[in-house]
């Protein structure tokens, strides 16, 4: 008997559209991450200096598998960035640790 040869996979062309408002982007200088057994919730916040209040600018909800894929993609992109532009040194937080911030 002859074995059936696997057909080569066809490349799938994916067209992604983006609205102008989304394409403009949103500035965030704080992110908060929460999770359940079914999903990860990423809240992105822009905190302005000398302001006691802020609000979530964007929320992204992902499955745990997609959150892990995003983590790996971000690590890969960070390696490429640092190779091109130099290592990013992040100083340890001063004052309250991120886990100790009070968010209302």
PDB file of N, CA and C in Angstrom:
ATOM      1  N   UNK A   1       0.837  -1.180   0.000  1.00  0.00           N
ATOM      2  CA  UNK A   1       0.000   0.000   0.000  1.00  0.00           C
ATOM      3  C   UNK A   1       0.876   1.235   0.000  1.00  0.00           C
ATOM      4  N   UNK A   2       0.418   2.217  -0.679  1.00  0.00           N
ATOM      5  CA  UNK A   2       1.166   3.469  -0.670  1.00  0.00           C
ATOM      6  C   UNK A   2       0.583   4.398   0.376  1.00  0.00           C
ATOM      7  N   UNK A   3       1.481   5.051   1.073  1.00  0.00           N
ATOM      8  CA  UNK A   3       1.022   5.991   2.096  1.00  0.00           C
ATOM      9  C   UNK A   3       0.604   7.293   1.426  1.00  0.00           C
ATOM     10  N   UNK A   4      -0.452   7.861   1.944  1.00  0.00           N
ATOM     11  CA  UNK A   4      -0.890   9.153   1.405  1.00  0.00           C
ATOM     12  C   UNK A   4       0.056  10.231   1.895  1.00  0.00           C
ATOM     13  N   UNK A   5       0.481  11.057   0.962  1.00  0.00           N
ATOM     14  CA  UNK A   5       1.374  12.156   1.328  1.00  0.00           C
ATOM     15  C   UNK A   5       0.559  13.291   1.904  1.00  0.00           C
ATOM     16  N   UNK A   6       1.115  13.909   2.931  1.00  0.00           N
ATOM     17  CA  UNK A   6       0.448  15.074   3.516  1.00  0.00           C
ATOM     18  C   UNK A   6       0.507  16.227   2.543  1.00  0.00           C
ATOM     19  N   UNK A   7      -0.624  16.835   2.337  1.00  0.00           N
ATOM     20  CA  UNK A   7      -0.679  17.992   1.460  1.00  0.00           C
ATOM     21  C   UNK A   7      -0.055  19.174   2.172  1.00  0.00           C
ATOM     22  N   UNK A   8       0.751  19.974   1.460  1.00  0.00           N
ATOM     23  CA  UNK A   8       1.311  21.164   2.119  1.00  0.00           C
ATOM     24  C   UNK A   8       0.187  22.102   2.545  1.00  0.00           C
ATOM     25  N   UNK A   9       0.378  22.693   3.715  1.00  0.00           N
ATOM     26  CA  UNK A   9      -0.641  23.616   4.220  1.00  0.00           C
ATOM     27  C   UNK A   9      -0.615  24.888   3.403  1.00  0.00           C
ATOM     28  N   UNK A  10      -1.797  25.349   3.056  1.00  0.00           N
ATOM     29  CA  UNK A  10      -1.909  26.597   2.317  1.00  0.00           C
ATOM     30  C   UNK A  10      -1.802  27.769   3.291  1.00  0.00           C
ATOM     31  N   UNK A  11      -1.089  28.787   2.869  1.00  0.00           N
ATOM     32  CA  UNK A  11      -0.985  29.994   3.692  1.00  0.00           C
ATOM     33  C   UNK A  11      -2.346  30.675   3.727  1.00  0.00           C
ATOM     34  N   UNK A  12      -2.719  31.102   4.896  1.00  0.00           N
ATOM     35  CA  UNK A  12      -3.987  31.806   5.066  1.00  0.00           C
ATOM     36  C   UNK A  12      -3.688  33.289   5.117  1.00  0.00           C
ATOM     37  N   UNK A  13      -4.368  34.029   4.273  1.00  0.00           N
ATOM     38  CA  UNK A  13      -4.191  35.475   4.290  1.00  0.00           C
ATOM     39  C   UNK A  13      -5.222  36.076   5.235  1.00  0.00           C
ATOM     40  N   UNK A  14      -4.736  36.834   6.190  1.00  0.00           N
ATOM     41  CA  UNK A  14      -5.604  37.441   7.184  1.00  0.00           C
ATOM     42  C   UNK A  14      -5.571  38.947   7.009  1.00  0.00           C
ATOM     43  N   UNK A  15      -6.715  39.519   6.768  1.00  0.00           N
ATOM     44  CA  UNK A  15      -6.807  40.974   6.634  1.00  0.00           C
ATOM     45  C   UNK A  15      -7.377  41.534   7.927  1.00  0.00           C
ATOM     46  N   UNK A  16      -6.636  42.447   8.532  1.00  0.00           N
ATOM     47  CA  UNK A  16      -7.063  43.047   9.797  1.00  0.00           C
ATOM     48  C   UNK A  16      -7.283  44.528   9.577  1.00  0.00           C
ATOM     49  N   UNK A  17      -8.472  44.993   9.907  1.00  0.00           N
ATOM     50  CA  UNK A  17      -8.794  46.410   9.775  1.00  0.00           C
ATOM     51  C   UNK A  17      -8.737  47.052  11.151  1.00  0.00           C
ATOM     52  N   UNK A  18      -8.467  48.359  11.162  1.00  0.00           N
ATOM     53  CA  UNK A  18      -8.401  49.088  12.431  1.00  0.00           C
ATOM     54  C   UNK A  18      -9.092  50.433  12.265  1.00  0.00           C
ATOM     55  N   UNK A  19      -9.957  50.757  13.201  1.00  0.00           N
ATOM     56  CA  UNK A  19     -10.639  52.052  13.179  1.00  0.00           C
ATOM     57  C   UNK A  19      -9.646  53.156  13.498  1.00  0.00           C
ATOM     58  N   UNK A  20      -9.926  54.364  13.016  1.00  0.00           N
ATOM     59  CA  UNK A  20      -9.029  55.498  13.245  1.00  0.00           C
ATOM     60  C   UNK A  20      -8.806  55.768  14.733  1.00  0.00           C
ATOM     61  N   UNK A  21      -9.859  55.680  15.526  1.00  0.00           N
ATOM     62  CA  UNK A  21      -9.731  55.957  16.964  1.00  0.00           C
ATOM     63  C   UNK A  21      -8.814  54.933  17.640  1.00  0.00           C
ATOM     64  N   UNK A  22      -8.911  53.686  17.245  1.00  0.00           N
ATOM     65  CA  UNK A  22      -8.048  52.652  17.808  1.00  0.00           C
ATOM     66  C   UNK A  22      -6.618  52.836  17.302  1.00  0.00           C
ATOM     67  N   UNK A  23      -6.466  53.180  16.028  1.00  0.00           N
ATOM     68  CA  UNK A  23      -5.141  53.360  15.429  1.00  0.00           C
ATOM     69  C   UNK A  23      -4.373  54.500  16.094  1.00  0.00           C
ATOM     70  N   UNK A  24      -5.094  55.505  16.614  1.00  0.00           N
ATOM     71  CA  UNK A  24      -4.440  56.632  17.288  1.00  0.00           C
ATOM     72  C   UNK A  24      -3.762  56.187  18.578  1.00  0.00           C
ATOM     73  N   UNK A  25      -4.228  55.104  19.164  1.00  0.00           N
ATOM     74  CA  UNK A  25      -3.608  54.572  20.370  1.00  0.00           C
ATOM     75  C   UNK A  25      -4.094  55.246  21.636  1.00  0.00           C
ATOM     76  N   UNK A  26      -3.762  54.641  22.748  1.00  0.00           N
ATOM     77  CA  UNK A  26      -4.106  55.148  24.071  1.00  0.00           C
ATOM     78  C   UNK A  26      -2.860  55.082  24.928  1.00  0.00           C
ATOM     79  N   UNK A  27      -2.536  56.174  25.597  1.00  0.00           N
ATOM     80  CA  UNK A  27      -1.367  56.195  26.468  1.00  0.00           C
ATOM     81  C   UNK A  27      -1.722  55.563  27.806  1.00  0.00           C
ATOM     82  N   UNK A  28      -0.838  54.694  28.290  1.00  0.00           N
ATOM     83  CA  UNK A  28      -1.036  54.079  29.603  1.00  0.00           C
ATOM     84  C   UNK A  28       0.302  54.047  30.325  1.00  0.00           C
ATOM     85  N   UNK A  29       0.294  54.429  31.602  1.00  0.00           N
ATOM     86  CA  UNK A  29       1.503  54.348  32.404  1.00  0.00           C
ATOM     87  C   UNK A  29       1.313  53.449  33.636  1.00  0.00           C
ATOM     88  N   UNK A  30       0.185  52.752  33.649  1.00  0.00           N
ATOM     89  CA  UNK A  30      -0.104  51.786  34.702  1.00  0.00           C
ATOM     90  C   UNK A  30      -0.942  50.678  34.093  1.00  0.00           C
ATOM     91  N   UNK A  31      -0.627  49.456  34.439  1.00  0.00           N
ATOM     92  CA  UNK A  31      -1.489  48.352  34.033  1.00  0.00           C
ATOM     93  C   UNK A  31      -1.799  47.509  35.264  1.00  0.00           C
ATOM     94  N   UNK A  32      -2.992  47.005  35.290  1.00  0.00           N
ATOM     95  CA  UNK A  32      -3.425  46.133  36.379  1.00  0.00           C
ATOM     96  C   UNK A  32      -3.887  44.832  35.736  1.00  0.00           C
ATOM     97  N   UNK A  33      -3.483  43.727  36.328  1.00  0.00           N
ATOM     98  CA  UNK A  33      -3.824  42.423  35.770  1.00  0.00           C
ATOM     99  C   UNK A  33      -4.509  41.598  36.839  1.00  0.00           C
ATOM    100  N   UNK A  34      -5.659  41.064  36.478  1.00  0.00           N
ATOM    101  CA  UNK A  34      -6.393  40.150  37.347  1.00  0.00           C
ATOM    102  C   UNK A  34      -6.731  38.917  36.529  1.00  0.00           C
ATOM    103  N   UNK A  35      -7.053  37.831  37.213  1.00  0.00           N
ATOM    104  CA  UNK A  35      -7.407  36.623  36.474  1.00  0.00           C
ATOM    105  C   UNK A  35      -8.329  35.739  37.281  1.00  0.00           C
ATOM    106  N   UNK A  36      -9.039  34.914  36.546  1.00  0.00           N
ATOM    107  CA  UNK A  36      -9.815  33.820  37.122  1.00  0.00           C
ATOM    108  C   UNK A  36      -9.287  32.550  36.466  1.00  0.00           C
ATOM    109  N   UNK A  37      -9.947  31.435  36.684  1.00  0.00           N
ATOM    110  CA  UNK A  37      -9.485  30.215  36.032  1.00  0.00           C
ATOM    111  C   UNK A  37      -9.763  30.240  34.527  1.00  0.00           C
ATOM    112  N   UNK A  38     -10.637  31.141  34.076  1.00  0.00           N
ATOM    113  CA  UNK A  38     -11.051  31.155  32.672  1.00  0.00           C
ATOM    114  C   UNK A  38     -10.491  32.302  31.851  1.00  0.00           C
ATOM    115  N   UNK A  39     -10.026  33.383  32.519  1.00  0.00           N
ATOM    116  CA  UNK A  39      -9.600  34.540  31.738  1.00  0.00           C
ATOM    117  C   UNK A  39      -8.633  35.425  32.511  1.00  0.00           C
ATOM    118  N   UNK A  40      -7.864  36.196  31.737  1.00  0.00           N
ATOM    119  CA  UNK A  40      -7.007  37.250  32.277  1.00  0.00           C
ATOM    120  C   UNK A  40      -7.617  38.573  31.853  1.00  0.00           C
ATOM    121  N   UNK A  41      -7.645  39.540  32.773  1.00  0.00           N
ATOM    122  CA  UNK A  41      -8.180  40.867  32.486  1.00  0.00           C
ATOM    123  C   UNK A  41      -7.049  41.873  32.661  1.00  0.00           C
ATOM    124  N   UNK A  42      -6.736  42.582  31.573  1.00  0.00           N
ATOM    125  CA  UNK A  42      -5.683  43.597  31.561  1.00  0.00           C
ATOM    126  C   UNK A  42      -6.350  44.964  31.505  1.00  0.00           C
ATOM    127  N   UNK A  43      -6.171  45.773  32.536  1.00  0.00           N
ATOM    128  CA  UNK A  43      -6.680  47.150  32.547  1.00  0.00           C
ATOM    129  C   UNK A  43      -5.494  48.085  32.367  1.00  0.00           C
ATOM    130  N   UNK A  44      -5.632  49.021  31.434  1.00  0.00           N
ATOM    131  CA  UNK A  44      -4.591  49.999  31.148  1.00  0.00           C
ATOM    132  C   UNK A  44      -5.090  51.373  31.551  1.00  0.00           C
ATOM    133  N   UNK A  45      -4.270  52.081  32.347  1.00  0.00           N
ATOM    134  CA  UNK A  45      -4.676  53.347  32.952  1.00  0.00           C
ATOM    135  C   UNK A  45      -3.617  54.400  32.638  1.00  0.00           C
ATOM    136  N   UNK A  46      -4.062  55.638  32.405  1.00  0.00           N
ATOM    137  CA  UNK A  46      -3.141  56.766  32.307  1.00  0.00           C
ATOM    138  C   UNK A  46      -3.360  57.631  33.528  1.00  0.00           C
ATOM    139  N   UNK A  47      -2.331  57.728  34.377  1.00  0.00           N
ATOM    140  CA  UNK A  47      -2.408  58.550  35.586  1.00  0.00           C
ATOM    141  C   UNK A  47      -1.664  59.846  35.310  1.00  0.00           C
ATOM    142  N   UNK A  48      -2.370  60.952  35.452  1.00  0.00           N
ATOM    143  CA  UNK A  48      -1.754  62.260  35.243  1.00  0.00           C
ATOM    144  C   UNK A  48      -1.136  62.749  36.543  1.00  0.00           C
ATOM    145  N   UNK A  49       0.013  63.409  36.437  1.00  0.00           N
ATOM    146  CA  UNK A  49       0.643  63.949  37.644  1.00  0.00           C
ATOM    147  C   UNK A  49      -0.288  64.930  38.364  1.00  0.00           C
ATOM    148  N   UNK A  50      -0.213  64.934  39.662  1.00  0.00           N
ATOM    149  CA  UNK A  50      -0.975  65.853  40.526  1.00  0.00           C
ATOM    150  C   UNK A  50      -2.484  65.659  40.420  1.00  0.00           C
ATOM    151  N   UNK A  51      -2.917  64.505  39.968  1.00  0.00           N
ATOM    152  CA  UNK A  51      -4.352  64.207  39.932  1.00  0.00           C
ATOM    153  C   UNK A  51      -4.604  62.986  40.796  1.00  0.00           C
ATOM    154  N   UNK A  52      -5.610  63.073  41.639  1.00  0.00           N
ATOM    155  CA  UNK A  52      -5.917  61.969  42.544  1.00  0.00           C
ATOM    156  C   UNK A  52      -6.827  60.932  41.893  1.00  0.00           C
ATOM    157  N   UNK A  53      -7.404  61.266  40.742  1.00  0.00           N
ATOM    158  CA  UNK A  53      -8.330  60.345  40.093  1.00  0.00           C
ATOM    159  C   UNK A  53      -7.873  60.031  38.682  1.00  0.00           C
ATOM    160  N   UNK A  54      -8.220  58.837  38.268  1.00  0.00           N
ATOM    161  CA  UNK A  54      -7.966  58.419  36.896  1.00  0.00           C
ATOM    162  C   UNK A  54      -9.004  57.380  36.546  1.00  0.00           C
ATOM    163  N   UNK A  55      -8.982  56.909  35.307  1.00  0.00           N
ATOM    164  CA  UNK A  55      -9.914  55.854  34.927  1.00  0.00           C
ATOM    165  C   UNK A  55      -9.237  54.908  33.948  1.00  0.00           C
ATOM    166  N   UNK A  56      -9.801  53.743  33.831  1.00  0.00           N
ATOM    167  CA  UNK A  56      -9.278  52.749  32.902  1.00  0.00           C
ATOM    168  C   UNK A  56      -9.497  53.259  31.488  1.00  0.00           C
ATOM    169  N   UNK A  57      -8.405  53.302  30.711  1.00  0.00           N
ATOM    170  CA  UNK A  57      -8.485  53.767  29.325  1.00  0.00           C
ATOM    171  C   UNK A  57      -8.822  52.630  28.376  1.00  0.00           C
ATOM    172  N   UNK A  58      -8.412  51.419  28.724  1.00  0.00           N
ATOM    173  CA  UNK A  58      -8.697  50.263  27.875  1.00  0.00           C
ATOM    174  C   UNK A  58      -8.668  49.005  28.731  1.00  0.00           C
ATOM    175  N   UNK A  59      -9.496  48.051  28.359  1.00  0.00           N
ATOM    176  CA  UNK A  59      -9.522  46.746  29.030  1.00  0.00           C
ATOM    177  C   UNK A  59      -9.441  45.672  27.962  1.00  0.00           C
ATOM    178  N   UNK A  60      -8.534  44.722  28.168  1.00  0.00           N
ATOM    179  CA  UNK A  60      -8.390  43.595  27.253  1.00  0.00           C
ATOM    180  C   UNK A  60      -8.585  42.322  28.061  1.00  0.00           C
ATOM    181  N   UNK A  61      -9.457  41.456  27.578  1.00  0.00           N
ATOM    182  CA  UNK A  61      -9.756  40.192  28.256  1.00  0.00           C
ATOM    183  C   UNK A  61      -9.288  39.054  27.359  1.00  0.00           C
ATOM    184  N   UNK A  62      -8.494  38.148  27.921  1.00  0.00           N
ATOM    185  CA  UNK A  62      -7.931  37.042  27.147  1.00  0.00           C
ATOM    186  C   UNK A  62      -8.067  35.727  27.887  1.00  0.00           C
ATOM    187  N   UNK A  63      -8.085  34.659  27.106  1.00  0.00           N
ATOM    188  CA  UNK A  63      -8.005  33.324  27.697  1.00  0.00           C
ATOM    189  C   UNK A  63      -6.593  33.146  28.257  1.00  0.00           C
ATOM    190  N   UNK A  64      -6.418  32.251  29.213  1.00  0.00           N
ATOM    191  CA  UNK A  64      -5.067  32.008  29.740  1.00  0.00           C
ATOM    192  C   UNK A  64      -4.065  31.620  28.648  1.00  0.00           C
ATOM    193  N   UNK A  65      -4.472  30.811  27.670  1.00  0.00           N
ATOM    194  CA  UNK A  65      -3.550  30.424  26.600  1.00  0.00           C
ATOM    195  C   UNK A  65      -3.134  31.634  25.775  1.00  0.00           C
ATOM    196  N   UNK A  66      -4.073  32.509  25.454  1.00  0.00           N
ATOM    197  CA  UNK A  66      -3.714  33.694  24.670  1.00  0.00           C
ATOM    198  C   UNK A  66      -2.891  34.677  25.486  1.00  0.00           C
ATOM    199  N   UNK A  67      -3.139  34.749  26.796  1.00  0.00           N
ATOM    200  CA  UNK A  67      -2.316  35.606  27.654  1.00  0.00           C
ATOM    201  C   UNK A  67      -0.882  35.088  27.672  1.00  0.00           C
ATOM    202  N   UNK A  68      -0.701  33.772  27.725  1.00  0.00           N
ATOM    203  CA  UNK A  68       0.644  33.184  27.695  1.00  0.00           C
ATOM    204  C   UNK A  68       1.313  33.464  26.351  1.00  0.00           C
ATOM    205  N   UNK A  69       0.544  33.368  25.258  1.00  0.00           N
ATOM    206  CA  UNK A  69       1.093  33.697  23.943  1.00  0.00           C
ATOM    207  C   UNK A  69       1.532  35.157  23.886  1.00  0.00           C
ATOM    208  N   UNK A  70       0.748  36.046  24.479  1.00  0.00           N
ATOM    209  CA  UNK A  70       1.121  37.459  24.502  1.00  0.00           C
ATOM    210  C   UNK A  70       2.395  37.654  25.317  1.00  0.00           C
ATOM    211  N   UNK A  71       2.521  36.984  26.451  1.00  0.00           N
ATOM    212  CA  UNK A  71       3.732  37.064  27.267  1.00  0.00           C
ATOM    213  C   UNK A  71       4.955  36.647  26.452  1.00  0.00           C
ATOM    214  N   UNK A  72       4.867  35.537  25.754  1.00  0.00           N
ATOM    215  CA  UNK A  72       5.990  35.051  24.953  1.00  0.00           C
ATOM    216  C   UNK A  72       6.311  36.010  23.816  1.00  0.00           C
ATOM    217  N   UNK A  73       5.280  36.554  23.170  1.00  0.00           N
ATOM    218  CA  UNK A  73       5.500  37.510  22.082  1.00  0.00           C
ATOM    219  C   UNK A  73       6.153  38.786  22.615  1.00  0.00           C
ATOM    220  N   UNK A  74       5.720  39.257  23.785  1.00  0.00           N
ATOM    221  CA  UNK A  74       6.303  40.458  24.380  1.00  0.00           C
ATOM    222  C   UNK A  74       7.763  40.215  24.771  1.00  0.00           C
ATOM    223  N   UNK A  75       8.065  39.053  25.324  1.00  0.00           N
ATOM    224  CA  UNK A  75       9.455  38.730  25.658  1.00  0.00           C
ATOM    225  C   UNK A  75      10.322  38.711  24.404  1.00  0.00           C
ATOM    226  N   UNK A  76       9.803  38.127  23.334  1.00  0.00           N
ATOM    227  CA  UNK A  76      10.536  38.076  22.066  1.00  0.00           C
ATOM    228  C   UNK A  76      10.787  39.481  21.523  1.00  0.00           C
ATOM    229  N   UNK A  77       9.764  40.314  21.528  1.00  0.00           N
ATOM    230  CA  UNK A  77       9.905  41.678  21.027  1.00  0.00           C
ATOM    231  C   UNK A  77      10.847  42.506  21.898  1.00  0.00           C
ATOM    232  N   UNK A  78      10.840  42.266  23.211  1.00  0.00           N
ATOM    233  CA  UNK A  78      11.736  42.995  24.115  1.00  0.00           C
ATOM    234  C   UNK A  78      13.191  42.635  23.821  1.00  0.00           C
ATOM    235  N   UNK A  79      13.468  41.363  23.538  1.00  0.00           N
ATOM    236  CA  UNK A  79      14.829  40.948  23.175  1.00  0.00           C
ATOM    237  C   UNK A  79      15.284  41.664  21.906  1.00  0.00           C
ATOM    238  N   UNK A  80      14.411  41.733  20.922  1.00  0.00           N
ATOM    239  CA  UNK A  80      14.747  42.417  19.667  1.00  0.00           C
ATOM    240  C   UNK A  80      14.977  43.906  19.933  1.00  0.00           C
ATOM    241  N   UNK A  81      14.102  44.519  20.716  1.00  0.00           N
ATOM    242  CA  UNK A  81      14.230  45.943  21.039  1.00  0.00           C
ATOM    243  C   UNK A  81      15.571  46.214  21.707  1.00  0.00           C
ATOM    244  N   UNK A  82      15.899  45.427  22.751  1.00  0.00           N
ATOM    245  CA  UNK A  82      17.132  45.660  23.498  1.00  0.00           C
ATOM    246  C   UNK A  82      18.372  45.374  22.655  1.00  0.00           C
ATOM    247  N   UNK A  83      18.271  44.448  21.725  1.00  0.00           N
ATOM    248  CA  UNK A  83      19.390  44.194  20.815  1.00  0.00           C
ATOM    249  C   UNK A  83      19.645  45.421  19.942  1.00  0.00           C
ATOM    250  N   UNK A  84      18.583  46.082  19.511  1.00  0.00           N
ATOM    251  CA  UNK A  84      18.705  47.247  18.635  1.00  0.00           C
ATOM    252  C   UNK A  84      18.991  48.546  19.375  1.00  0.00           C
ATOM    253  N   UNK A  85      18.437  48.703  20.574  1.00  0.00           N
ATOM    254  CA  UNK A  85      18.496  49.995  21.256  1.00  0.00           C
ATOM    255  C   UNK A  85      19.171  49.965  22.618  1.00  0.00           C
ATOM    256  N   UNK A  86      19.572  48.819  23.082  1.00  0.00           N
ATOM    257  CA  UNK A  86      20.218  48.720  24.381  1.00  0.00           C
ATOM    258  C   UNK A  86      19.271  48.227  25.458  1.00  0.00           C
ATOM    259  N   UNK A  87      19.867  47.722  26.514  1.00  0.00           N
ATOM    260  CA  UNK A  87      19.087  47.153  27.614  1.00  0.00           C
ATOM    261  C   UNK A  87      18.268  48.226  28.320  1.00  0.00           C
ATOM    262  N   UNK A  88      17.067  47.858  28.693  1.00  0.00           N
ATOM    263  CA  UNK A  88      16.194  48.741  29.463  1.00  0.00           C
ATOM    264  C   UNK A  88      16.397  48.391  30.930  1.00  0.00           C
ATOM    265  N   UNK A  89      16.874  49.350  31.701  1.00  0.00           N
ATOM    266  CA  UNK A  89      17.060  49.145  33.139  1.00  0.00           C
ATOM    267  C   UNK A  89      15.839  49.666  33.867  1.00  0.00           C
ATOM    268  N   UNK A  90      15.238  48.804  34.639  1.00  0.00           N
ATOM    269  CA  UNK A  90      14.053  49.178  35.399  1.00  0.00           C
ATOM    270  C   UNK A  90      14.427  49.218  36.866  1.00  0.00           C
ATOM    271  N   UNK A  91      14.327  50.402  37.448  1.00  0.00           N
ATOM    272  CA  UNK A  91      14.637  50.556  38.869  1.00  0.00           C
ATOM    273  C   UNK A  91      13.524  49.923  39.695  1.00  0.00           C
ATOM    274  N   UNK A  92      13.887  49.395  40.848  1.00  0.00           N
ATOM    275  CA  UNK A  92      12.836  48.847  41.702  1.00  0.00           C
ATOM    276  C   UNK A  92      11.872  49.951  42.120  1.00  0.00           C
ATOM    277  N   UNK A  93      10.610  49.602  42.314  1.00  0.00           N
ATOM    278  CA  UNK A  93       9.636  50.629  42.697  1.00  0.00           C
ATOM    279  C   UNK A  93      10.009  51.284  44.017  1.00  0.00           C
ATOM    280  N   UNK A  94       9.709  52.557  44.141  1.00  0.00           N
ATOM    281  CA  UNK A  94       9.936  53.259  45.401  1.00  0.00           C
ATOM    282  C   UNK A  94       8.585  53.443  46.080  1.00  0.00           C
ATOM    283  N   UNK A  95       8.586  53.545  47.367  1.00  0.00           N
ATOM    284  CA  UNK A  95       7.333  53.703  48.079  1.00  0.00           C
ATOM    285  C   UNK A  95       6.584  52.368  48.117  1.00  0.00           C
ATOM    286  N   UNK A  96       5.285  52.451  47.905  1.00  0.00           N
ATOM    287  CA  UNK A  96       4.458  51.245  47.960  1.00  0.00           C
ATOM    288  C   UNK A  96       4.740  50.342  46.759  1.00  0.00           C
ATOM    289  N   UNK A  97       4.794  49.082  47.032  1.00  0.00           N
ATOM    290  CA  UNK A  97       4.911  48.107  45.947  1.00  0.00           C
ATOM    291  C   UNK A  97       3.617  48.120  45.141  1.00  0.00           C
ATOM    292  N   UNK A  98       3.691  47.701  43.911  1.00  0.00           N
ATOM    293  CA  UNK A  98       2.516  47.710  43.045  1.00  0.00           C
ATOM    294  C   UNK A  98       1.371  46.918  43.651  1.00  0.00           C
ATOM    295  N   UNK A  99       1.684  45.849  44.369  1.00  0.00           N
ATOM    296  CA  UNK A  99       0.630  45.029  44.960  1.00  0.00           C
ATOM    297  C   UNK A  99      -0.003  45.698  46.162  1.00  0.00           C
ATOM    298  N   UNK A 100       0.584  46.795  46.665  1.00  0.00           N
ATOM    299  CA  UNK A 100       0.054  47.470  47.842  1.00  0.00           C
ATOM    300  C   UNK A 100      -0.744  48.725  47.500  1.00  0.00           C
ATOM    301  N   UNK A 101      -0.822  49.068  46.213  1.00  0.00           N
ATOM    302  CA  UNK A 101      -1.555  50.272  45.834  1.00  0.00           C
ATOM    303  C   UNK A 101      -3.039  50.107  46.120  1.00  0.00           C
ATOM    304  N   UNK A 102      -3.644  51.147  46.612  1.00  0.00           N
ATOM    305  CA  UNK A 102      -5.092  51.135  46.814  1.00  0.00           C
ATOM    306  C   UNK A 102      -5.750  51.676  45.567  1.00  0.00           C
ATOM    307  N   UNK A 103      -6.595  50.893  44.959  1.00  0.00           N
ATOM    308  CA  UNK A 103      -7.306  51.295  43.751  1.00  0.00           C
ATOM    309  C   UNK A 103      -8.785  51.266  44.041  1.00  0.00           C
ATOM    310  N   UNK A 104      -9.425  52.407  43.867  1.00  0.00           N
ATOM    311  CA  UNK A 104     -10.879  52.491  44.102  1.00  0.00           C
ATOM    312  C   UNK A 104     -11.598  52.738  42.802  1.00  0.00           C
TER     313      UNK A 104
END
